[in-house]
Amino acid sequence: MKTQMKFQKIMCLLMIILGALSAVYCFIYCSAGLGAIGGTLNQDGSTYEGVIGGQPVAMPEATIYQDVQPFNDLLLILSIVIILCGVLLYITATNKRRNYYISNYVAIGIVSIANIAISIYILIQNTVFYTRFLDIIADPTYYDRLFAIIGKKNIVCTAATWNFELGYVLYPIIILASLALIANLVWKVMLMRGEKKLLENSAVKEGA
């Protein structure tokens, strides 16, 4: 039981930490190549169209940066939800109880289902924008146009995609952690039943 109780403490803390990491991820989501293409937008938010070095240059693909913004805002809200779900585990004392009660079962169910659903949604949306961005940078003229527009600005000209790829690391981990939380519940139930049998056997022997 001691090993299991250490594990449940670790899992409850991990759920909050993962929620915090998700919040941090939300603040860096619009960086890397996505941030660079966003730097080509005009101050009024319109896409750049102009003449540079006697050549017409445009970056209509930069609309992806604007399209990402609602998802990025939602990502912060969902990250807060993940954190609050982790807090729920502490409110119900799931991290330290020797025996689980209905409130613990409910809390673990809510946290696991919410985190898995949120993670799957984020992975799907991330894939939509990642695929779209890969199509954009596949254009052989992309980098030249990008450099022509923001080369003199204090913006790094890059087509890096690590901001999208990081999501494929973080959210599968959250899903696995949620499944581990369910496994912890099964483990706890098995131990509780074992203790109950030991107590019943002990009572029978004493009565005899």
Protein backbone atom coordinates (compact mmCIF):
# COMPACT_ATOMS: atom_id res chain seq x y z
CA MET A 1 0.00 0.00 0.00
CA LYS A 2 2.90 2.40 0.74
CA THR A 3 4.20 2.11 -2.82
CA GLN A 4 0.77 2.75 -4.25
CA MET A 5 0.22 5.79 -2.04
CA LYS A 6 3.55 7.26 -3.19
CA PHE A 7 2.48 6.64 -6.76
CA GLN A 8 -0.89 8.38 -6.30
CA LYS A 9 0.86 11.43 -4.82
CA ILE A 10 3.19 11.57 -7.81
CA MET A 11 0.32 11.22 -10.29
CA CYS A 12 -1.77 13.96 -8.69
CA LEU A 13 1.18 16.35 -8.73
CA LEU A 14 2.02 15.37 -12.30
CA MET A 15 -1.46 16.28 -13.53
CA ILE A 16 -1.03 19.87 -12.30
CA ILE A 17 2.49 20.09 -13.71
CA LEU A 18 1.30 18.90 -17.12
CA GLY A 19 -1.47 21.49 -17.06
CA ALA A 20 1.10 24.18 -16.31
CA LEU A 21 3.29 22.95 -19.18
CA SER A 22 0.27 23.13 -21.48
CA ALA A 23 -0.23 26.77 -20.44
CA VAL A 24 3.42 27.53 -21.19
CA TYR A 25 3.05 25.79 -24.55
CA CYS A 26 0.14 28.05 -25.40
CA PHE A 27 2.39 31.12 -25.00
CA ILE A 28 5.05 29.76 -27.38
CA TYR A 29 2.68 28.21 -29.91
CA CYS A 30 2.83 31.18 -32.28
CA SER A 31 6.61 31.20 -32.46
CA ALA A 32 9.18 29.50 -34.74
CA GLY A 33 8.17 29.57 -38.43
CA LEU A 34 4.60 30.47 -37.56
CA GLY A 35 5.82 33.58 -35.78
CA ALA A 36 8.06 34.49 -38.70
CA ILE A 37 5.26 34.36 -41.25
CA GLY A 38 3.10 36.35 -38.84
CA GLY A 39 5.78 39.04 -38.93
CA THR A 40 4.96 39.71 -42.57
CA LEU A 41 1.47 40.94 -41.74
CA ASN A 42 0.81 44.65 -42.00
CA GLN A 43 -0.01 46.62 -38.86
CA ASP A 44 -3.71 46.50 -39.71
CA GLY A 45 -3.52 42.70 -39.91
CA SER A 46 -3.75 42.51 -43.69
CA THR A 47 -1.35 40.32 -45.68
CA TYR A 48 1.66 41.97 -47.27
CA GLU A 49 1.58 42.95 -50.92
CA GLY A 50 4.24 45.29 -52.24
CA VAL A 51 7.28 45.83 -54.40
CA ILE A 52 10.75 45.02 -53.07
CA GLY A 53 13.86 45.49 -55.20
CA GLY A 54 11.70 46.19 -58.21
CA GLN A 55 9.91 42.87 -57.84
CA PRO A 56 6.33 42.37 -56.65
CA VAL A 57 6.27 40.40 -53.41
CA ALA A 58 3.23 39.07 -51.53
CA MET A 59 2.64 36.75 -48.59
CA PRO A 60 -1.05 35.76 -48.72
CA GLU A 61 -0.26 32.56 -46.77
CA ALA A 62 0.27 34.66 -43.65
CA THR A 63 -3.45 34.37 -42.96
CA ILE A 64 -2.58 31.14 -41.14
CA TYR A 65 -1.18 33.27 -38.32
CA GLN A 66 -4.52 35.02 -37.91
CA ASP A 67 -6.45 31.76 -38.20
CA VAL A 68 -4.39 30.20 -35.41
CA GLN A 69 -5.24 32.93 -32.89
CA PRO A 70 -8.70 31.62 -31.79
CA PHE A 71 -7.21 28.16 -31.27
CA ASN A 72 -4.30 29.63 -29.34
CA ASP A 73 -6.70 31.51 -27.06
CA LEU A 74 -8.73 28.34 -26.53
CA LEU A 75 -5.51 26.45 -25.80
CA LEU A 76 -4.93 28.68 -22.77
CA ILE A 77 -8.48 28.09 -21.51
CA LEU A 78 -8.13 24.32 -21.94
CA SER A 79 -4.78 24.40 -20.14
CA ILE A 80 -6.44 26.12 -17.19
CA VAL A 81 -9.11 23.41 -17.24
CA ILE A 82 -6.38 20.76 -17.03
CA ILE A 83 -4.83 22.57 -14.06
CA LEU A 84 -8.21 22.86 -12.31
CA CYS A 85 -8.81 19.16 -12.88
CA GLY A 86 -5.51 18.51 -11.12
CA VAL A 87 -6.63 20.73 -8.25
CA LEU A 88 -9.82 18.66 -7.99
CA LEU A 89 -7.68 15.65 -7.11
CA TYR A 90 -6.30 17.58 -4.13
CA ILE A 91 -9.70 18.90 -3.09
CA THR A 92 -10.95 15.31 -2.85
CA ALA A 93 -7.70 14.23 -1.14
CA THR A 94 -7.09 11.69 -3.89
CA ASN A 95 -3.37 12.27 -3.42
CA LYS A 96 -3.23 11.04 0.19
CA ARG A 97 -6.22 8.89 1.07
CA ARG A 98 -5.52 5.33 2.12
CA ASN A 99 -9.03 4.34 1.06
CA TYR A 100 -10.88 5.91 -1.85
CA TYR A 101 -14.50 7.01 -1.57
CA ILE A 102 -17.11 8.00 -4.14
CA SER A 103 -15.67 11.52 -4.41
CA ASN A 104 -12.30 10.06 -5.39
CA TYR A 105 -13.82 7.83 -8.06
CA VAL A 106 -15.73 10.80 -9.47
CA ALA A 107 -12.67 13.08 -9.40
CA ILE A 108 -10.45 10.55 -11.16
CA GLY A 109 -13.17 9.94 -13.76
CA ILE A 110 -13.63 13.65 -14.46
CA VAL A 111 -9.90 14.34 -14.64
CA SER A 112 -9.12 11.38 -16.88
CA ILE A 113 -11.99 11.91 -19.32
CA ALA A 114 -11.48 15.69 -19.49
CA ASN A 115 -7.72 15.47 -20.01
CA ILE A 116 -7.95 12.76 -22.65
CA ALA A 117 -10.73 14.59 -24.54
CA ILE A 118 -8.88 17.92 -24.38
CA SER A 119 -5.60 16.35 -25.51
CA ILE A 120 -7.21 14.60 -28.48
CA TYR A 121 -8.93 17.83 -29.52
CA ILE A 122 -5.68 19.81 -29.29
CA LEU A 123 -3.78 17.15 -31.25
CA ILE A 124 -6.39 17.24 -34.02
CA GLN A 125 -6.35 21.04 -34.27
CA ASN A 126 -2.57 21.13 -34.10
CA THR A 127 -2.42 18.64 -36.96
CA VAL A 128 -4.73 20.81 -39.07
CA PHE A 129 -2.48 23.87 -38.71
CA TYR A 130 0.76 21.87 -38.90
CA THR A 131 -0.30 20.27 -42.19
CA ARG A 132 -1.34 23.64 -43.55
CA PHE A 133 1.97 25.21 -42.55
CA LEU A 134 3.96 22.36 -44.14
CA ASP A 135 2.09 22.99 -47.40
CA ILE A 136 2.99 26.68 -47.16
CA ILE A 137 6.72 26.19 -46.63
CA ALA A 138 6.82 23.54 -49.36
CA ASP A 139 6.56 26.41 -51.85
CA PRO A 140 10.15 26.93 -53.13
CA THR A 141 9.61 30.71 -53.24
CA TYR A 142 8.42 30.87 -49.63
CA TYR A 143 11.72 31.54 -47.87
CA ASP A 144 12.89 34.12 -50.42
CA ARG A 145 9.64 36.04 -50.08
CA LEU A 146 9.79 35.75 -46.29
CA PHE A 147 13.35 37.08 -46.17
CA ALA A 148 12.54 39.90 -48.59
CA ILE A 149 9.70 41.12 -46.34
CA ILE A 150 11.14 40.68 -42.84
CA GLY A 151 14.88 40.44 -43.55
CA LYS A 152 15.48 43.94 -42.22
CA LYS A 153 13.13 43.54 -39.27
CA ASN A 154 14.17 42.17 -35.90
CA ILE A 155 12.53 38.85 -36.76
CA VAL A 156 14.34 35.58 -37.43
CA CYS A 157 13.59 34.26 -40.90
CA THR A 158 12.85 30.62 -40.23
CA ALA A 159 10.55 27.86 -41.37
CA ALA A 160 11.04 25.86 -38.15
CA THR A 161 8.10 23.70 -37.07
CA TRP A 162 9.15 22.70 -33.53
CA ASN A 163 6.22 24.63 -32.04
CA PHE A 164 3.80 22.25 -33.75
CA GLU A 165 5.92 19.16 -33.08
CA LEU A 166 6.13 19.92 -29.37
CA GLY A 167 2.38 19.34 -29.16
CA TYR A 168 2.92 15.76 -30.33
CA VAL A 169 5.13 15.23 -27.31
CA LEU A 170 3.18 17.02 -24.58
CA TYR A 171 -0.40 15.89 -25.21
CA PRO A 172 0.31 12.16 -25.68
CA ILE A 173 2.11 12.39 -22.33
CA ILE A 174 -1.04 13.93 -20.80
CA ILE A 175 -3.11 11.09 -22.27
CA LEU A 176 -0.71 8.49 -20.89
CA ALA A 177 -0.71 10.21 -17.49
CA SER A 178 -4.52 10.13 -17.46
CA LEU A 179 -4.49 6.43 -18.26
CA ALA A 180 -1.93 5.92 -15.49
CA LEU A 181 -4.32 7.71 -13.14
CA ILE A 182 -7.01 5.19 -14.06
CA ALA A 183 -4.50 2.37 -13.56
CA ASN A 184 -3.76 3.83 -10.13
CA LEU A 185 -7.46 3.61 -9.30
CA VAL A 186 -7.58 -0.05 -10.32
CA TRP A 187 -4.47 -0.71 -8.25
CA LYS A 188 -6.02 1.06 -5.26
CA VAL A 189 -9.27 -0.94 -5.54
CA MET A 190 -7.34 -4.21 -5.64
CA LEU A 191 -5.35 -3.26 -2.54
CA MET A 192 -8.48 -2.09 -0.71
CA ARG A 193 -10.19 -5.41 -1.44
CA GLY A 194 -7.08 -7.26 -0.28
CA GLU A 195 -7.00 -5.35 3.01
CA LYS A 196 -10.71 -5.96 3.50
CA LYS A 197 -10.24 -9.71 3.08
CA LEU A 198 -7.34 -9.71 5.52
CA LEU A 199 -9.44 -7.88 8.10
CA GLU A 200 -12.36 -10.28 7.57
CA ASN A 201 -10.08 -13.31 7.93
CA SER A 202 -8.52 -11.81 11.04
CA ALA A 203 -11.98 -11.21 12.55
CA VAL A 204 -13.01 -14.79 11.82
CA LYS A 205 -9.89 -16.17 13.51
CA GLU A 206 -10.39 -13.98 16.56
CA GLY A 207 -14.05 -15.05 16.77
CA ALA A 208 -13.04 -18.68 16.58
